[in-house]
Amino acid sequence: MPSTISQPQSPLHLNQIQNLLGSGGFGYVYKGCLVDGTEVAVKELKIGGGQGEREFSAEVEIISRIHHRYLVSLVGYCVSENKRLLVYEYVPNNTLYFHLHGSEVVLDWSTRVKVASGAARGIAYLHEDCHPRIIHRDIKSSNILLDKNFEARVSDFGLAKLAADFSTHVTTRVMGTFGYMAPEYASSGKLTEKSDVYSFGVVLLELITGRKPVDASQPLGDESLVEWARPLLSHALETEDFKVLVDPKLGTNFIASEMFCMIEAAAACVRHSATKRPRMVQIVRAFESMETEDLSNGMRVGESEIFNSAQQSAEIRLFRRMAFGSQNYSTDFFTQGSLGPNSNER
């Protein structure tokens, strides 16, 4: 459990100008230091208004439940009169958004694959191994932090929702980021884990193409990354010709088989139909099938379950057909066997 920090001025030493890490609708994030020398990131929520209070309470409640290699940890929090502070572990290497869209240094292909795989593991843990399950609701490249080794840390749980098993949440308060929101959630407020899957698919498209989710500088009709990419994804999977789709800054500096797998995953994640999208655990397994290094020292989805290797191979093959295969396949395949009793298609 994170600790409660009762006096924000005493254990935290903040120079608000020099240590500002970022800002947004929620308030400001500063780099700080605890009395024991531990570096932390301190989110100071804006004062006033119910939304800030709700997001503060939601984030404390939800992030207190989770601990995972690929999720940012909450160190503590402060409630003192009109102060609301969330104190996180400090992740020093900025965000994925910065490295893709704001840095002059090109993010190489192996790092992009590593970041995608790590973020997928973190989100799958929220969906599969937390009880009750957690829907993040704001997956985007600016909420994926990178550590000194360029390992992913999914952050910002202020909009997250706890989901009871076997229920579909409908909300009248649609919250999220334009360009990443699943169409069914944006239009009707219908919220499931598949909403996060769609958002993750947009992040994969950013990694593949180097483009922003929404870019007004693009030609008319091509401002939306997803809509621009849809026909190119289909063409790339049919022909294995990636040059129109791939980030020009990468050139040909990528492994073709890995690019193919990444494109398959992105195409499946951003399907219009939520029920036709894979679950995050399937995406994790697809990445595992193309990895050459062992990442098993992180927490794995369903680590208490026994996996049938033949079924896992069949799942991966079916997952790959989901991108642009027949619309008539049955998703019931994924609800049986080793995935456990709570893994129904939602």
Protein backbone atom coordinates (compact mmCIF):
# COMPACT_ATOMS: atom_id res chain seq x y z
CA MET A 1 0.00 0.00 0.00
CA PRO A 2 1.26 3.51 -0.73
CA SER A 3 1.89 5.70 2.25
CA THR A 4 -0.01 8.84 3.13
CA ILE A 5 2.21 11.92 3.05
CA SER A 6 0.57 14.37 5.42
CA GLN A 7 2.77 17.45 5.06
CA PRO A 8 3.65 18.17 1.43
CA GLN A 9 6.19 20.88 2.19
CA SER A 10 8.31 18.79 4.56
CA PRO A 11 9.24 15.46 2.89
CA LEU A 12 9.10 16.83 -0.64
CA HIS A 13 11.60 19.36 -1.92
CA LEU A 14 10.17 20.95 -5.06
CA ASN A 15 11.51 23.77 -7.12
CA GLN A 16 8.36 24.44 -9.07
CA ILE A 17 10.07 26.11 -12.00
CA GLN A 18 13.16 23.96 -12.51
CA ASN A 19 11.50 20.65 -11.66
CA LEU A 20 8.35 20.94 -13.77
CA LEU A 21 7.99 17.74 -15.79
CA GLY A 22 4.69 18.44 -17.49
CA SER A 23 1.17 19.78 -17.24
CA GLY A 24 -2.33 19.04 -18.46
CA GLY A 25 -5.99 19.38 -17.66
CA PHE A 26 -5.37 17.68 -14.30
CA GLY A 27 -2.71 20.14 -13.09
CA TYR A 28 1.09 19.83 -12.96
CA VAL A 29 3.74 17.12 -12.51
CA TYR A 30 7.04 17.92 -10.80
CA LYS A 31 10.21 16.00 -10.11
CA GLY A 32 10.76 15.73 -6.38
CA CYS A 33 12.95 14.05 -3.80
CA LEU A 34 11.96 12.34 -0.56
CA VAL A 35 14.04 12.77 2.59
CA ASP A 36 15.71 9.39 1.99
CA GLY A 37 16.95 10.59 -1.41
CA THR A 38 14.41 8.67 -3.50
CA GLU A 39 13.49 10.53 -6.68
CA VAL A 40 9.76 10.77 -7.29
CA ALA A 41 7.27 12.39 -9.66
CA VAL A 42 4.64 14.46 -7.91
CA LYS A 43 1.30 15.16 -9.57
CA GLU A 44 -0.42 18.20 -8.08
CA LEU A 45 -4.09 18.20 -9.04
CA LYS A 46 -5.88 21.43 -9.77
CA ILE A 47 -7.86 22.78 -6.84
CA GLY A 48 -11.64 23.06 -7.08
CA GLY A 49 -14.23 21.18 -9.11
CA GLY A 50 -15.59 17.69 -8.62
CA GLN A 51 -13.73 16.13 -11.51
CA GLY A 52 -10.32 16.64 -9.93
CA GLU A 53 -11.51 15.10 -6.67
CA ARG A 54 -13.01 12.13 -8.51
CA GLU A 55 -9.85 11.51 -10.51
CA PHE A 56 -7.71 11.79 -7.37
CA SER A 57 -9.88 9.29 -5.49
CA ALA A 58 -10.05 6.93 -8.47
CA GLU A 59 -6.31 6.96 -9.01
CA VAL A 60 -5.49 6.33 -5.34
CA GLU A 61 -8.03 3.52 -5.13
CA ILE A 62 -7.02 1.80 -8.34
CA ILE A 63 -3.27 2.18 -8.39
CA SER A 64 -3.09 1.07 -4.75
CA ARG A 65 -4.33 -2.34 -5.93
CA ILE A 66 -1.69 -2.98 -8.57
CA HIS A 67 1.99 -3.75 -8.74
CA HIS A 68 3.57 -4.78 -12.01
CA ARG A 69 6.85 -4.36 -13.80
CA TYR A 70 5.23 -2.41 -16.65
CA LEU A 71 2.96 -0.14 -14.59
CA VAL A 72 4.00 3.02 -12.74
CA SER A 73 3.88 2.52 -8.97
CA LEU A 74 2.29 4.91 -6.50
CA VAL A 75 4.68 5.78 -3.64
CA GLY A 76 2.25 7.85 -1.60
CA TYR A 77 -0.31 10.62 -1.62
CA CYS A 78 -1.15 13.77 0.25
CA VAL A 79 -4.48 15.26 1.33
CA SER A 80 -3.88 18.50 3.17
CA GLU A 81 -6.58 21.21 3.16
CA ASN A 82 -6.69 22.26 -0.50
CA LYS A 83 -3.67 20.18 -1.59
CA ARG A 84 -4.07 16.93 -3.52
CA LEU A 85 -0.75 15.30 -4.40
CA LEU A 86 -0.02 11.91 -5.93
CA VAL A 87 3.58 10.71 -5.50
CA TYR A 88 4.86 8.17 -8.05
CA GLU A 89 8.11 6.41 -8.74
CA TYR A 90 10.20 8.63 -11.01
CA VAL A 91 10.54 7.28 -14.56
CA PRO A 92 13.42 9.28 -16.05
CA ASN A 93 13.23 8.89 -19.83
CA ASN A 94 10.16 10.94 -20.76
CA THR A 95 7.17 9.51 -22.66
CA LEU A 96 6.76 7.39 -25.76
CA TYR A 97 4.94 10.34 -27.36
CA PHE A 98 8.02 12.53 -26.87
CA HIS A 99 10.39 9.96 -28.39
CA LEU A 100 8.14 9.41 -31.41
CA HIS A 101 6.97 12.96 -32.07
CA GLY A 102 9.18 15.41 -30.18
CA SER A 103 12.73 14.09 -30.21
CA GLU A 104 15.35 14.49 -32.91
CA VAL A 105 16.76 11.06 -32.03
CA VAL A 106 15.03 8.27 -33.94
CA LEU A 107 13.58 5.51 -31.78
CA ASP A 108 15.03 2.32 -33.29
CA TRP A 109 12.91 -0.66 -34.22
CA SER A 110 14.03 -3.05 -31.48
CA THR A 111 13.16 -0.43 -28.87
CA ARG A 112 9.72 0.10 -30.43
CA VAL A 113 9.02 -3.62 -30.23
CA LYS A 114 10.21 -3.76 -26.62
CA VAL A 115 8.02 -0.81 -25.62
CA ALA A 116 4.96 -2.27 -27.37
CA SER A 117 5.46 -5.66 -25.74
CA GLY A 118 5.97 -4.23 -22.26
CA ALA A 119 2.97 -1.91 -22.46
CA ALA A 120 0.82 -4.81 -23.69
CA ARG A 121 1.87 -6.87 -20.68
CA GLY A 122 0.98 -4.06 -18.28
CA ILE A 123 -2.48 -3.53 -19.80
CA ALA A 124 -3.15 -7.28 -19.96
CA TYR A 125 -2.38 -7.50 -16.24
CA LEU A 126 -5.06 -4.86 -15.57
CA HIS A 127 -7.60 -6.75 -17.68
CA GLU A 128 -6.84 -10.32 -16.66
CA ASP A 129 -5.09 -10.54 -13.30
CA CYS A 130 -6.67 -7.74 -11.25
CA HIS A 131 -9.80 -8.48 -9.21
CA PRO A 132 -11.96 -6.64 -9.98
CA ARG A 133 -10.62 -6.04 -13.46
CA ILE A 134 -9.40 -2.56 -14.38
CA ILE A 135 -10.16 -0.67 -17.59
CA HIS A 136 -7.57 2.08 -18.02
CA ARG A 137 -9.71 4.24 -20.34
CA ASP A 138 -6.89 6.58 -21.42
CA ILE A 139 -4.24 4.44 -23.13
CA LYS A 140 -2.07 6.71 -25.30
CA SER A 141 1.60 7.23 -26.09
CA SER A 142 1.90 10.16 -23.66
CA ASN A 143 0.77 7.84 -20.84
CA ILE A 144 3.50 5.31 -21.61
CA LEU A 145 6.62 6.40 -19.75
CA LEU A 146 10.08 5.01 -20.52
CA ASP A 147 12.75 4.19 -17.96
CA LYS A 148 16.50 4.47 -18.45
CA ASN A 149 16.52 1.14 -20.31
CA PHE A 150 13.58 2.19 -22.51
CA GLU A 151 11.26 -0.24 -20.73
CA ALA A 152 7.60 0.81 -20.80
CA ARG A 153 5.65 1.98 -17.74
CA VAL A 154 1.94 2.55 -18.28
CA SER A 155 0.81 5.52 -16.18
CA ASP A 156 -2.09 7.83 -15.30
CA PHE A 157 -5.01 5.93 -13.82
CA GLY A 158 -7.17 8.98 -13.11
CA LEU A 159 -9.83 7.90 -15.62
CA ALA A 160 -9.63 4.16 -14.94
CA LYS A 161 -12.67 2.10 -14.02
CA LEU A 162 -13.09 -1.02 -11.93
CA ALA A 163 -15.19 -3.51 -13.89
CA ALA A 164 -17.27 -6.23 -12.22
CA ASP A 165 -17.04 -9.60 -13.92
CA PHE A 166 -19.65 -10.44 -16.56
CA SER A 167 -20.93 -6.87 -16.80
CA THR A 168 -20.64 -4.15 -19.42
CA HIS A 169 -20.22 -0.64 -18.10
CA VAL A 170 -22.14 2.19 -19.75
CA THR A 171 -21.27 5.72 -18.71
CA THR A 172 -22.80 9.07 -19.53
CA ARG A 173 -19.41 10.74 -18.93
CA VAL A 174 -17.25 9.75 -21.89
CA MET A 175 -13.67 10.55 -20.93
CA GLY A 176 -10.48 9.99 -22.88
CA THR A 177 -8.31 11.49 -25.59
CA PHE A 178 -9.49 12.30 -29.09
CA GLY A 179 -7.81 10.06 -31.64
CA TYR A 180 -7.51 7.15 -29.22
CA MET A 181 -11.12 6.53 -28.18
CA ALA A 182 -12.86 3.42 -29.47
CA PRO A 183 -15.81 4.30 -31.71
CA GLU A 184 -18.40 2.44 -29.63
CA TYR A 185 -17.22 4.19 -26.45
CA ALA A 186 -17.13 7.65 -28.03
CA SER A 187 -20.62 7.26 -29.54
CA SER A 188 -22.53 5.40 -26.84
CA GLY A 189 -20.47 5.33 -23.66
CA LYS A 190 -20.26 1.52 -23.83
CA LEU A 191 -17.06 0.68 -21.99
CA THR A 192 -15.29 -2.69 -21.99
CA GLU A 193 -11.70 -3.91 -22.01
CA LYS A 194 -11.94 -3.78 -25.81
CA SER A 195 -11.96 0.04 -25.53
CA ASP A 196 -8.41 -0.17 -24.15
CA VAL A 197 -7.50 -2.64 -26.92
CA TYR A 198 -8.55 -0.12 -29.58
CA SER A 199 -6.50 2.64 -27.92
CA PHE A 200 -3.48 0.33 -27.75
CA GLY A 201 -3.92 -0.36 -31.46
CA VAL A 202 -3.57 3.37 -32.11
CA VAL A 203 -0.32 3.35 -30.09
CA LEU A 204 0.92 0.47 -32.26
CA LEU A 205 0.13 2.52 -35.35
CA GLU A 206 2.18 5.39 -33.91
CA LEU A 207 5.10 3.01 -33.40
CA ILE A 208 4.78 1.65 -36.94
CA THR A 209 4.19 4.89 -38.83
CA GLY A 210 5.71 7.64 -36.67
CA ARG A 211 2.50 9.66 -37.18
CA LYS A 212 0.38 11.33 -34.52
CA PRO A 213 -3.14 9.99 -33.84
CA VAL A 214 -4.62 13.21 -35.18
CA ASP A 215 -2.54 15.55 -37.32
CA ALA A 216 -4.16 18.65 -38.82
CA SER A 217 -1.09 19.23 -41.00
CA GLN A 218 -1.88 16.12 -43.06
CA PRO A 219 -3.91 16.36 -46.31
CA LEU A 220 -7.69 16.62 -46.05
CA GLY A 221 -9.11 13.23 -45.18
CA ASP A 222 -5.82 11.88 -43.81
CA GLU A 223 -5.83 13.71 -40.48
CA SER A 224 -6.94 10.60 -38.56
CA LEU A 225 -4.15 8.06 -38.23
CA VAL A 226 -6.55 5.11 -38.01
CA GLU A 227 -8.57 6.02 -41.09
CA TRP A 228 -5.44 6.83 -43.09
CA ALA A 229 -3.82 3.56 -42.09
CA ARG A 230 -6.72 1.13 -42.64
CA PRO A 231 -6.23 0.50 -46.39
CA LEU A 232 -2.45 0.52 -45.99
CA LEU A 233 -2.62 -2.12 -43.26
CA SER A 234 -4.63 -4.37 -45.56
CA HIS A 235 -2.20 -3.84 -48.43
CA ALA A 236 0.83 -4.52 -46.20
CA LEU A 237 -0.57 -7.81 -44.90
CA GLU A 238 -1.53 -8.98 -48.38
CA THR A 239 1.71 -8.02 -50.13
CA GLU A 240 4.27 -7.71 -47.30
CA ASP A 241 5.17 -4.36 -48.83
CA PHE A 242 5.63 -2.06 -45.83
CA LYS A 243 7.30 1.02 -47.31
CA VAL A 244 4.20 3.26 -47.55
CA LEU A 245 3.15 2.44 -43.99
CA VAL A 246 6.46 2.42 -42.10
CA ASP A 247 7.88 5.50 -40.38
CA PRO A 248 10.19 7.17 -42.96
CA LYS A 249 12.70 7.81 -40.17
CA LEU A 250 13.15 4.06 -39.81
CA GLY A 251 13.79 3.49 -43.49
CA THR A 252 14.45 -0.22 -43.90
CA ASN A 253 15.98 -0.60 -40.44
CA PHE A 254 13.49 -3.13 -39.10
CA ILE A 255 12.96 -6.90 -39.07
CA ALA A 256 10.30 -7.73 -41.66
CA SER A 257 8.74 -10.62 -39.71
CA GLU A 258 8.40 -8.44 -36.62
CA MET A 259 6.93 -5.60 -38.63
CA PHE A 260 4.40 -8.01 -40.11
CA CYS A 261 3.41 -9.15 -36.61
CA MET A 262 3.12 -5.57 -35.35
CA ILE A 263 0.92 -4.63 -38.32
CA GLU A 264 -1.27 -7.70 -37.73
CA ALA A 265 -1.72 -6.71 -34.10
CA ALA A 266 -2.52 -3.08 -34.91
CA ALA A 267 -5.02 -4.04 -37.60
CA ALA A 268 -6.83 -6.43 -35.27
CA CYS A 269 -6.91 -3.93 -32.39
CA VAL A 270 -8.48 -1.06 -34.34
CA ARG A 271 -11.34 -3.05 -35.83
CA HIS A 272 -14.63 -1.12 -35.78
CA SER A 273 -16.38 -4.02 -34.06
CA ALA A 274 -15.32 -4.41 -30.44
CA THR A 275 -16.14 -8.12 -30.39
CA LYS A 276 -13.79 -8.70 -33.33
CA ARG A 277 -10.82 -7.23 -31.48
CA PRO A 278 -8.43 -9.56 -29.62
CA ARG A 279 -7.97 -9.49 -25.88
CA MET A 280 -4.74 -8.03 -24.54
CA VAL A 281 -3.56 -11.47 -23.42
CA GLN A 282 -3.67 -12.60 -27.06
CA ILE A 283 -1.62 -9.57 -28.12
CA VAL A 284 0.96 -10.43 -25.45
CA ARG A 285 1.20 -13.98 -26.81
CA ALA A 286 1.58 -12.70 -30.35
CA PHE A 287 4.54 -10.58 -29.25
CA GLU A 288 5.99 -13.53 -27.34
CA SER A 289 5.93 -15.61 -30.51
CA MET A 290 8.33 -13.22 -32.24
CA GLU A 291 10.66 -12.42 -29.34
CA THR A 292 14.15 -13.81 -29.14
CA GLU A 293 14.91 -12.80 -25.56
CA ASP A 294 13.29 -14.13 -22.39
CA LEU A 295 11.17 -11.55 -20.61
CA SER A 296 9.76 -14.02 -18.07
CA ASN A 297 11.20 -12.12 -15.09
CA GLY A 298 8.22 -9.75 -15.38
CA MET A 299 4.77 -10.80 -14.21
CA ARG A 300 2.93 -12.76 -16.88
CA VAL A 301 -0.79 -12.76 -17.51
CA GLY A 302 -2.52 -15.70 -15.86
CA GLU A 303 0.76 -16.85 -14.34
CA SER A 304 -1.08 -19.23 -12.02
CA GLU A 305 -2.66 -21.04 -14.96
CA ILE A 306 -1.23 -23.93 -16.97
CA PHE A 307 -1.03 -23.15 -20.68
CA ASN A 308 -1.48 -25.76 -23.38
CA SER A 309 1.22 -25.04 -25.96
CA ALA A 310 -0.78 -26.50 -28.85
CA GLN A 311 -3.80 -24.38 -27.97
CA GLN A 312 -1.57 -21.31 -27.56
CA SER A 313 -0.14 -21.86 -31.06
CA ALA A 314 -3.66 -22.22 -32.45
CA GLU A 315 -4.70 -19.02 -30.67
CA ILE A 316 -1.83 -17.12 -32.22
CA ARG A 317 -2.72 -18.39 -35.69
CA LEU A 318 -6.36 -17.42 -35.25
CA PHE A 319 -5.35 -14.05 -33.81
CA ARG A 320 -3.34 -13.40 -36.95
CA ARG A 321 -6.36 -14.15 -39.13
CA MET A 322 -8.44 -11.65 -37.15
CA ALA A 323 -6.78 -8.65 -38.75
CA PHE A 324 -8.41 -9.00 -42.16
CA GLY A 325 -9.70 -12.55 -42.23
CA SER A 326 -13.25 -13.83 -42.38
CA GLN A 327 -15.85 -11.97 -40.34
CA ASN A 328 -17.53 -15.32 -39.56
CA TYR A 329 -14.99 -16.85 -37.19
CA SER A 330 -16.14 -17.62 -33.67
CA THR A 331 -14.60 -15.76 -30.75
CA ASP A 332 -15.90 -18.57 -28.51
CA PHE A 333 -12.60 -20.31 -29.25
CA PHE A 334 -10.87 -17.96 -26.87
CA THR A 335 -13.25 -18.56 -23.96
CA GLN A 336 -12.43 -22.24 -23.53
CA GLY A 337 -9.64 -24.30 -22.05
CA SER A 338 -6.63 -22.80 -20.33
CA LEU A 339 -7.78 -19.16 -20.34
CA GLY A 340 -9.85 -19.76 -17.22
CA PRO A 341 -13.46 -19.23 -16.18
CA ASN A 342 -13.37 -15.43 -16.16
CA SER A 343 -11.99 -14.93 -19.64
CA ASN A 344 -15.27 -14.67 -21.55
CA GLU A 345 -15.44 -12.38 -24.57
CA ARG A 346 -16.73 -9.04 -23.31
